[in-house]
Amino acid sequence: MAGLKLDVESKKKTEKFFDNMDGDETVEYVNYWIEFQKRLPDVLRNLQGLVLIVYTGLEFTDIVEILNKIEPDRFVNVLYVSLVRSYKYIRQVLEYKPCGSKRFFVVDCVSGYAFPTEEDVDECFYHKPPSSLEEMKKIIEFGVEKCSPEMVVIDSLSQFINFSHLADDELNELYSFFKTLRKKVSTNGQEVVVLLYDSEIGGLHRLPKDVVDEVIKVEKIKEISRKPLMINWFQNLPSPQPFDYHLKID
């Protein structure tokens, strides 16, 4: 991927404070990030578990390139649950930019209720778009039963969640979704679940760091100049004690 040339390690340190003002509790959330450009191939090659990839400015071709770097040395079936791109578009992109040793099985939730009547395609399953995370779980179960994938990709969580203003009940629902997802995929043989999130809809105030294995932020920066396109990669660091914070889910 062109432009991965940043040499300076940078950390964005943040903390969480609780202040009582006039009887109201004010909560400030801060996220810790570390740049890992130099370790990019090793980090992506060995990804396991639930991985939240927060991106800005990426096209689908960039996402394909990221997926190509995950377990690049062996054949992998990928269940791609798409809430934002049609199977027709995904197929066209993959013809232009093949995904190496990965075979895509797409659950197309974009075509909606149309359910195209063209010839049967083994790599595509049409499904009406989910209206909740609970329905999303059922779609994932449906796709896993159909193709027994080693990798699951959900594109994208930003259809349900906005991390810039996430209420406690919404965060609890998301935590429950992640925990159920982890339990189900671990029993079905999935090795990595990639959860894509488009951060252009808002800031990253409340991330579910306690229930995912990795949080990776990717920023694609376009400049009108002769300099190469820059893509910045950051990996989320756990909040240091004593600022660790856990939501309780009953």
C-alpha atoms as a PDB file:
ATOM      1  CA  MET A   1       0.000   0.000   0.000  1.00  0.00           C
ATOM      2  CA  ALA A   2       1.583   3.270  -1.137  1.00  0.00           C
ATOM      3  CA  GLY A   3       2.484   5.974   1.293  1.00  0.00           C
ATOM      4  CA  LEU A   4       3.281   3.993   4.439  1.00  0.00           C
ATOM      5  CA  LYS A   5       6.412   6.008   5.163  1.00  0.00           C
ATOM      6  CA  LEU A   6       5.955   7.683   8.528  1.00  0.00           C
ATOM      7  CA  ASP A   7       9.013   7.115  10.712  1.00  0.00           C
ATOM      8  CA  VAL A   8       8.122   8.955  13.893  1.00  0.00           C
ATOM      9  CA  GLU A   9       6.287   6.995  16.568  1.00  0.00           C
ATOM     10  CA  SER A  10       3.506   9.058  18.036  1.00  0.00           C
ATOM     11  CA  LYS A  11       1.173   8.512  20.929  1.00  0.00           C
ATOM     12  CA  LYS A  12      -2.100  10.187  21.574  1.00  0.00           C
ATOM     13  CA  LYS A  13      -2.618   9.891  25.278  1.00  0.00           C
ATOM     14  CA  THR A  14      -5.999  10.348  26.858  1.00  0.00           C
ATOM     15  CA  GLU A  15      -7.580   9.892  30.201  1.00  0.00           C
ATOM     16  CA  LYS A  16     -11.002   9.699  31.722  1.00  0.00           C
ATOM     17  CA  PHE A  17     -12.205  11.972  34.461  1.00  0.00           C
ATOM     18  CA  PHE A  18     -15.366  12.075  36.519  1.00  0.00           C
ATOM     19  CA  ASP A  19     -16.479  15.428  37.898  1.00  0.00           C
ATOM     20  CA  ASN A  20     -19.605  16.247  39.824  1.00  0.00           C
ATOM     21  CA  MET A  21     -21.124  19.567  38.864  1.00  0.00           C
ATOM     22  CA  ASP A  22     -24.462  20.635  40.335  1.00  0.00           C
ATOM     23  CA  GLY A  23     -25.350  17.034  41.022  1.00  0.00           C
ATOM     24  CA  ASP A  24     -24.680  15.898  37.435  1.00  0.00           C
ATOM     25  CA  GLU A  25     -21.903  13.471  36.561  1.00  0.00           C
ATOM     26  CA  THR A  26     -19.630  14.618  33.760  1.00  0.00           C
ATOM     27  CA  VAL A  27     -17.637  11.915  32.004  1.00  0.00           C
ATOM     28  CA  GLU A  28     -14.708  12.646  29.720  1.00  0.00           C
ATOM     29  CA  TYR A  29     -13.443   9.790  27.532  1.00  0.00           C
ATOM     30  CA  VAL A  30      -9.956   9.786  26.072  1.00  0.00           C
ATOM     31  CA  ASN A  31      -8.440   7.121  23.831  1.00  0.00           C
ATOM     32  CA  TYR A  32      -4.816   5.981  23.698  1.00  0.00           C
ATOM     33  CA  TRP A  33      -3.268   5.389  20.260  1.00  0.00           C
ATOM     34  CA  ILE A  34       0.154   4.361  19.051  1.00  0.00           C
ATOM     35  CA  GLU A  35       1.355   4.561  15.475  1.00  0.00           C
ATOM     36  CA  PHE A  36       2.542   1.203  14.115  1.00  0.00           C
ATOM     37  CA  GLN A  37       3.488   1.816  10.486  1.00  0.00           C
ATOM     38  CA  LYS A  38       6.718  -0.180  10.757  1.00  0.00           C
ATOM     39  CA  ARG A  39       4.959  -3.184  12.304  1.00  0.00           C
ATOM     40  CA  LEU A  40       1.985  -3.080   9.927  1.00  0.00           C
ATOM     41  CA  PRO A  41       2.623  -6.365   8.037  1.00  0.00           C
ATOM     42  CA  ASP A  42       3.193  -8.336  11.251  1.00  0.00           C
ATOM     43  CA  VAL A  43       0.177  -6.849  13.048  1.00  0.00           C
ATOM     44  CA  LEU A  44      -2.237  -7.537  10.186  1.00  0.00           C
ATOM     45  CA  ARG A  45      -0.778 -10.954   9.397  1.00  0.00           C
ATOM     46  CA  ASN A  46      -1.446 -12.215  12.908  1.00  0.00           C
ATOM     47  CA  LEU A  47      -4.842 -10.656  13.676  1.00  0.00           C
ATOM     48  CA  GLN A  48      -7.128 -12.893  15.723  1.00  0.00           C
ATOM     49  CA  GLY A  49     -10.482 -12.521  17.457  1.00  0.00           C
ATOM     50  CA  LEU A  50     -12.732  -9.454  17.245  1.00  0.00           C
ATOM     51  CA  VAL A  51     -11.017  -6.582  15.429  1.00  0.00           C
ATOM     52  CA  LEU A  52     -12.612  -3.137  15.160  1.00  0.00           C
ATOM     53  CA  ILE A  53     -11.173  -1.162  12.236  1.00  0.00           C
ATOM     54  CA  VAL A  54     -12.107   2.506  12.394  1.00  0.00           C
ATOM     55  CA  TYR A  55     -11.376   4.216   9.090  1.00  0.00           C
ATOM     56  CA  THR A  56     -11.540   7.622   7.466  1.00  0.00           C
ATOM     57  CA  GLY A  57     -11.565   8.174   3.718  1.00  0.00           C
ATOM     58  CA  LEU A  58     -11.069   4.566   2.605  1.00  0.00           C
ATOM     59  CA  GLU A  59     -12.507   3.166  -0.609  1.00  0.00           C
ATOM     60  CA  PHE A  60     -13.500  -0.477  -0.984  1.00  0.00           C
ATOM     61  CA  THR A  61     -10.248  -1.139  -2.862  1.00  0.00           C
ATOM     62  CA  ASP A  62      -8.363  -0.020   0.273  1.00  0.00           C
ATOM     63  CA  ILE A  63     -10.441  -2.374   2.423  1.00  0.00           C
ATOM     64  CA  VAL A  64      -9.629  -5.249   0.061  1.00  0.00           C
ATOM     65  CA  GLU A  65      -5.940  -4.431   0.416  1.00  0.00           C
ATOM     66  CA  ILE A  66      -6.230  -4.537   4.209  1.00  0.00           C
ATOM     67  CA  LEU A  67      -7.985  -7.910   4.088  1.00  0.00           C
ATOM     68  CA  ASN A  68      -5.284  -9.208   1.745  1.00  0.00           C
ATOM     69  CA  LYS A  69      -2.716  -8.573   4.479  1.00  0.00           C
ATOM     70  CA  ILE A  70      -4.577 -10.716   7.035  1.00  0.00           C
ATOM     71  CA  GLU A  71      -3.368 -14.330   6.903  1.00  0.00           C
ATOM     72  CA  PRO A  72      -1.894 -13.781   3.419  1.00  0.00           C
ATOM     73  CA  ASP A  73      -0.189 -17.160   3.134  1.00  0.00           C
ATOM     74  CA  ARG A  74      -3.168 -19.507   3.189  1.00  0.00           C
ATOM     75  CA  PHE A  75      -6.553 -19.909   1.540  1.00  0.00           C
ATOM     76  CA  VAL A  76      -9.362 -18.350   3.578  1.00  0.00           C
ATOM     77  CA  ASN A  77     -13.126 -18.235   3.071  1.00  0.00           C
ATOM     78  CA  VAL A  78     -14.443 -14.753   3.902  1.00  0.00           C
ATOM     79  CA  LEU A  79     -18.045 -14.035   4.844  1.00  0.00           C
ATOM     80  CA  TYR A  80     -18.585 -10.380   3.897  1.00  0.00           C
ATOM     81  CA  VAL A  81     -21.810  -9.003   5.355  1.00  0.00           C
ATOM     82  CA  SER A  82     -22.394  -5.808   3.389  1.00  0.00           C
ATOM     83  CA  LEU A  83     -24.773  -3.110   4.578  1.00  0.00           C
ATOM     84  CA  VAL A  84     -23.348  -0.370   2.348  1.00  0.00           C
ATOM     85  CA  ARG A  85     -22.196  -1.971  -0.940  1.00  0.00           C
ATOM     86  CA  SER A  86     -24.071  -4.212  -3.363  1.00  0.00           C
ATOM     87  CA  TYR A  87     -22.736  -7.581  -4.469  1.00  0.00           C
ATOM     88  CA  LYS A  88     -22.587  -6.277  -8.047  1.00  0.00           C
ATOM     89  CA  TYR A  89     -20.242  -3.474  -7.007  1.00  0.00           C
ATOM     90  CA  ILE A  90     -18.121  -5.767  -4.797  1.00  0.00           C
ATOM     91  CA  ARG A  91     -17.757  -8.259  -7.642  1.00  0.00           C
ATOM     92  CA  GLN A  92     -16.657  -5.531 -10.061  1.00  0.00           C
ATOM     93  CA  VAL A  93     -14.013  -4.283  -7.634  1.00  0.00           C
ATOM     94  CA  LEU A  94     -12.706  -7.802  -6.947  1.00  0.00           C
ATOM     95  CA  GLU A  95     -12.373  -8.421 -10.681  1.00  0.00           C
ATOM     96  CA  TYR A  96     -10.238  -5.287 -10.899  1.00  0.00           C
ATOM     97  CA  LYS A  97      -8.372  -5.930  -7.629  1.00  0.00           C
ATOM     98  CA  PRO A  98      -8.386  -9.663  -6.762  1.00  0.00           C
ATOM     99  CA  CYS A  99      -8.199 -10.619  -3.109  1.00  0.00           C
ATOM    100  CA  GLY A 100      -5.322 -13.066  -3.340  1.00  0.00           C
ATOM    101  CA  SER A 101      -5.889 -16.308  -1.473  1.00  0.00           C
ATOM    102  CA  LYS A 102      -9.328 -15.330  -0.169  1.00  0.00           C
ATOM    103  CA  ARG A 103     -12.702 -16.382  -1.506  1.00  0.00           C
ATOM    104  CA  PHE A 104     -15.516 -13.934  -0.802  1.00  0.00           C
ATOM    105  CA  PHE A 105     -19.038 -14.976   0.117  1.00  0.00           C
ATOM    106  CA  VAL A 106     -21.204 -11.857   0.244  1.00  0.00           C
ATOM    107  CA  VAL A 107     -24.429 -11.345   2.148  1.00  0.00           C
ATOM    108  CA  ASP A 108     -25.905  -8.456   0.178  1.00  0.00           C
ATOM    109  CA  CYS A 109     -28.163  -6.380   2.429  1.00  0.00           C
ATOM    110  CA  VAL A 110     -28.010  -3.366   0.114  1.00  0.00           C
ATOM    111  CA  SER A 111     -30.153  -4.669  -2.716  1.00  0.00           C
ATOM    112  CA  GLY A 112     -32.870  -4.765  -0.086  1.00  0.00           C
ATOM    113  CA  TYR A 113     -36.128  -6.392  -0.952  1.00  0.00           C
ATOM    114  CA  ALA A 114     -35.365  -6.576  -4.681  1.00  0.00           C
ATOM    115  CA  PHE A 115     -33.686  -9.994  -4.456  1.00  0.00           C
ATOM    116  CA  PRO A 116     -32.346 -10.074  -8.047  1.00  0.00           C
ATOM    117  CA  THR A 117     -33.629 -12.967 -10.146  1.00  0.00           C
ATOM    118  CA  GLU A 118     -30.450 -13.416 -12.200  1.00  0.00           C
ATOM    119  CA  GLU A 119     -28.735 -16.802 -12.328  1.00  0.00           C
ATOM    120  CA  ASP A 120     -27.773 -18.394  -9.036  1.00  0.00           C
ATOM    121  CA  VAL A 121     -24.380 -17.301  -7.726  1.00  0.00           C
ATOM    122  CA  ASP A 122     -22.669 -19.455  -5.109  1.00  0.00           C
ATOM    123  CA  GLU A 123     -20.764 -16.491  -3.681  1.00  0.00           C
ATOM    124  CA  CYS A 124     -23.778 -14.285  -2.950  1.00  0.00           C
ATOM    125  CA  PHE A 125     -26.747 -14.493  -0.602  1.00  0.00           C
ATOM    126  CA  TYR A 126     -29.380 -11.759  -0.650  1.00  0.00           C
ATOM    127  CA  HIS A 127     -30.974 -10.658   2.591  1.00  0.00           C
ATOM    128  CA  LYS A 128     -33.209  -7.783   3.589  1.00  0.00           C
ATOM    129  CA  PRO A 129     -31.309  -5.099   5.533  1.00  0.00           C
ATOM    130  CA  PRO A 130     -31.296  -5.557   9.321  1.00  0.00           C
ATOM    131  CA  SER A 131     -32.975  -2.952  11.499  1.00  0.00           C
ATOM    132  CA  SER A 132     -31.135  -3.859  14.716  1.00  0.00           C
ATOM    133  CA  LEU A 133     -28.048  -5.587  16.070  1.00  0.00           C
ATOM    134  CA  GLU A 134     -30.253  -8.530  17.032  1.00  0.00           C
ATOM    135  CA  GLU A 135     -31.216  -8.994  13.382  1.00  0.00           C
ATOM    136  CA  MET A 136     -27.569  -8.535  12.453  1.00  0.00           C
ATOM    137  CA  LYS A 137     -26.667 -11.549  14.613  1.00  0.00           C
ATOM    138  CA  LYS A 138     -29.194 -13.689  12.734  1.00  0.00           C
ATOM    139  CA  ILE A 139     -27.759 -12.616   9.377  1.00  0.00           C
ATOM    140  CA  ILE A 140     -24.250 -13.563  10.509  1.00  0.00           C
ATOM    141  CA  GLU A 141     -25.502 -16.954  11.693  1.00  0.00           C
ATOM    142  CA  PHE A 142     -27.215 -17.401   8.314  1.00  0.00           C
ATOM    143  CA  GLY A 143     -24.003 -16.612   6.433  1.00  0.00           C
ATOM    144  CA  VAL A 144     -21.818 -18.811   8.641  1.00  0.00           C
ATOM    145  CA  GLU A 145     -24.110 -21.784   8.042  1.00  0.00           C
ATOM    146  CA  LYS A 146     -23.935 -21.209   4.288  1.00  0.00           C
ATOM    147  CA  CYS A 147     -20.177 -20.959   3.761  1.00  0.00           C
ATOM    148  CA  SER A 148     -18.304 -21.980   6.963  1.00  0.00           C
ATOM    149  CA  PRO A 149     -15.854 -19.058   6.774  1.00  0.00           C
ATOM    150  CA  GLU A 150     -12.563 -18.609   8.604  1.00  0.00           C
ATOM    151  CA  MET A 151     -13.033 -14.821   8.492  1.00  0.00           C
ATOM    152  CA  VAL A 152     -16.133 -12.662   8.947  1.00  0.00           C
ATOM    153  CA  VAL A 153     -16.286  -9.005   7.862  1.00  0.00           C
ATOM    154  CA  ILE A 154     -19.142  -6.663   8.810  1.00  0.00           C
ATOM    155  CA  ASP A 155     -19.377  -3.528   6.670  1.00  0.00           C
ATOM    156  CA  SER A 156     -20.262  -1.537   8.569  1.00  0.00           C
ATOM    157  CA  LEU A 157     -21.163  -0.894  12.194  1.00  0.00           C
ATOM    158  CA  SER A 158     -21.724   2.779  11.430  1.00  0.00           C
ATOM    159  CA  GLN A 159     -25.149   1.781  10.090  1.00  0.00           C
ATOM    160  CA  PHE A 160     -26.192   1.055  13.689  1.00  0.00           C
ATOM    161  CA  ILE A 161     -23.778   2.864  15.995  1.00  0.00           C
ATOM    162  CA  ASN A 162     -22.357   6.372  16.277  1.00  0.00           C
ATOM    163  CA  PHE A 163     -19.381   6.418  18.653  1.00  0.00           C
ATOM    164  CA  SER A 164     -19.514  10.222  18.871  1.00  0.00           C
ATOM    165  CA  HIS A 165     -22.647  10.154  21.036  1.00  0.00           C
ATOM    166  CA  LEU A 166     -23.415   6.686  22.326  1.00  0.00           C
ATOM    167  CA  ALA A 167     -25.899   6.337  25.171  1.00  0.00           C
ATOM    168  CA  ASP A 168     -25.310   3.809  27.962  1.00  0.00           C
ATOM    169  CA  ASP A 169     -28.137   1.544  26.785  1.00  0.00           C
ATOM    170  CA  GLU A 170     -26.767   1.586  23.225  1.00  0.00           C
ATOM    171  CA  LEU A 171     -23.275   0.750  24.453  1.00  0.00           C
ATOM    172  CA  ASN A 172     -24.650  -2.081  26.585  1.00  0.00           C
ATOM    173  CA  GLU A 173     -26.501  -3.440  23.550  1.00  0.00           C
ATOM    174  CA  LEU A 174     -23.302  -3.248  21.502  1.00  0.00           C
ATOM    175  CA  TYR A 175     -21.324  -5.031  24.234  1.00  0.00           C
ATOM    176  CA  SER A 176     -23.943  -7.765  24.346  1.00  0.00           C
ATOM    177  CA  PHE A 177     -23.758  -8.095  20.547  1.00  0.00           C
ATOM    178  CA  PHE A 178     -19.971  -8.445  20.634  1.00  0.00           C
ATOM    179  CA  LYS A 179     -20.047 -11.019  23.430  1.00  0.00           C
ATOM    180  CA  THR A 180     -22.671 -13.111  21.646  1.00  0.00           C
ATOM    181  CA  LEU A 181     -20.736 -12.804  18.398  1.00  0.00           C
ATOM    182  CA  ARG A 182     -17.519 -13.913  20.071  1.00  0.00           C
ATOM    183  CA  LYS A 183     -19.207 -16.936  21.630  1.00  0.00           C
ATOM    184  CA  LYS A 184     -20.863 -18.058  18.399  1.00  0.00           C
ATOM    185  CA  VAL A 185     -17.900 -17.632  16.085  1.00  0.00           C
ATOM    186  CA  SER A 186     -15.511 -19.296  18.521  1.00  0.00           C
ATOM    187  CA  THR A 187     -17.657 -22.430  18.442  1.00  0.00           C
ATOM    188  CA  ASN A 188     -17.998 -22.323  14.634  1.00  0.00           C
ATOM    189  CA  GLY A 189     -14.298 -22.058  13.794  1.00  0.00           C
ATOM    190  CA  GLN A 190     -14.009 -18.394  12.761  1.00  0.00           C
ATOM    191  CA  GLU A 191     -10.534 -17.089  13.539  1.00  0.00           C
ATOM    192  CA  VAL A 192     -11.006 -13.364  12.961  1.00  0.00           C
ATOM    193  CA  VAL A 193     -14.037 -11.079  12.800  1.00  0.00           C
ATOM    194  CA  VAL A 194     -13.380  -7.673  11.236  1.00  0.00           C
ATOM    195  CA  LEU A 195     -15.843  -4.968  12.253  1.00  0.00           C
ATOM    196  CA  LEU A 196     -15.572  -1.928   9.986  1.00  0.00           C
ATOM    197  CA  TYR A 197     -16.635   1.515  11.177  1.00  0.00           C
ATOM    198  CA  ASP A 198     -16.635   4.727   9.130  1.00  0.00           C
ATOM    199  CA  SER A 199     -15.543   7.488  11.511  1.00  0.00           C
ATOM    200  CA  GLU A 200     -16.611  10.279   9.151  1.00  0.00           C
ATOM    201  CA  ILE A 201     -20.053  10.238  10.785  1.00  0.00           C
ATOM    202  CA  GLY A 202     -18.555  11.569  14.036  1.00  0.00           C
ATOM    203  CA  GLY A 203     -15.786  11.416  16.630  1.00  0.00           C
ATOM    204  CA  LEU A 204     -14.551   8.417  18.605  1.00  0.00           C
ATOM    205  CA  HIS A 205     -15.757   9.184  22.099  1.00  0.00           C
ATOM    206  CA  ARG A 206     -16.854   5.810  23.473  1.00  0.00           C
ATOM    207  CA  LEU A 207     -15.114   2.824  21.940  1.00  0.00           C
ATOM    208  CA  PRO A 208     -15.912  -0.767  23.029  1.00  0.00           C
ATOM    209  CA  LYS A 209     -12.303  -1.475  23.991  1.00  0.00           C
ATOM    210  CA  ASP A 210     -13.227  -3.937  26.731  1.00  0.00           C
ATOM    211  CA  VAL A 211     -14.919  -6.460  24.428  1.00  0.00           C
ATOM    212  CA  VAL A 212     -12.789  -6.426  21.267  1.00  0.00           C
ATOM    213  CA  ASP A 213      -9.270  -7.799  20.885  1.00  0.00           C
ATOM    214  CA  GLU A 214      -7.910  -4.978  18.729  1.00  0.00           C
ATOM    215  CA  VAL A 215      -8.954  -1.462  17.733  1.00  0.00           C
ATOM    216  CA  ILE A 216      -7.135  -0.163  14.655  1.00  0.00           C
ATOM    217  CA  LYS A 217      -7.619   3.300  13.159  1.00  0.00           C
ATOM    218  CA  VAL A 218      -6.790   3.957   9.503  1.00  0.00           C
ATOM    219  CA  GLU A 219      -6.708   7.477   8.082  1.00  0.00           C
ATOM    220  CA  LYS A 220      -6.405   8.082   4.357  1.00  0.00           C
ATOM    221  CA  ILE A 221      -5.154  11.612   3.747  1.00  0.00           C
ATOM    222  CA  LYS A 222      -5.424  13.193   0.307  1.00  0.00           C
ATOM    223  CA  GLU A 223      -3.316  16.257  -0.409  1.00  0.00           C
ATOM    224  CA  ILE A 224      -3.228  18.360  -3.562  1.00  0.00           C
ATOM    225  CA  SER A 225       0.506  18.158  -4.135  1.00  0.00           C
ATOM    226  CA  ARG A 226       3.156  15.983  -5.717  1.00  0.00           C
ATOM    227  CA  LYS A 227       3.719  14.121  -2.485  1.00  0.00           C
ATOM    228  CA  PRO A 228       2.497  10.501  -2.276  1.00  0.00           C
ATOM    229  CA  LEU A 229      -0.849   9.683  -0.720  1.00  0.00           C
ATOM    230  CA  MET A 230      -0.457   9.063   3.002  1.00  0.00           C
ATOM    231  CA  ILE A 231      -2.248   6.366   4.942  1.00  0.00           C
ATOM    232  CA  ASN A 232      -1.769   6.518   8.699  1.00  0.00           C
ATOM    233  CA  TRP A 233      -2.248   3.471  10.908  1.00  0.00           C
ATOM    234  CA  PHE A 234      -2.848   3.634  14.639  1.00  0.00           C
ATOM    235  CA  GLN A 235      -3.459   0.864  17.141  1.00  0.00           C
ATOM    236  CA  ASN A 236      -5.542   1.389  20.238  1.00  0.00           C
ATOM    237  CA  LEU A 237      -3.790   0.976  23.586  1.00  0.00           C
ATOM    238  CA  PRO A 238      -5.607  -0.077  26.756  1.00  0.00           C
ATOM    239  CA  SER A 239      -6.334   2.754  29.156  1.00  0.00           C
ATOM    240  CA  PRO A 240      -3.794   2.752  32.012  1.00  0.00           C
ATOM    241  CA  GLN A 241      -4.913   2.131  35.559  1.00  0.00           C
ATOM    242  CA  PRO A 242      -6.631   3.618  37.476  1.00  0.00           C
ATOM    243  CA  PHE A 243      -8.677   4.988  34.598  1.00  0.00           C
ATOM    244  CA  ASP A 244      -9.953   1.599  33.379  1.00  0.00           C
ATOM    245  CA  TYR A 245     -13.727   1.692  32.995  1.00  0.00           C
ATOM    246  CA  HIS A 246     -16.141  -1.183  32.449  1.00  0.00           C
ATOM    247  CA  LEU A 247     -19.842  -1.028  31.763  1.00  0.00           C
ATOM    248  CA  LYS A 248     -21.796  -3.630  33.649  1.00  0.00           C
ATOM    249  CA  ILE A 249     -24.156  -5.716  31.550  1.00  0.00           C
ATOM    250  CA  ASP A 250     -26.865  -7.478  33.487  1.00  0.00           C
END
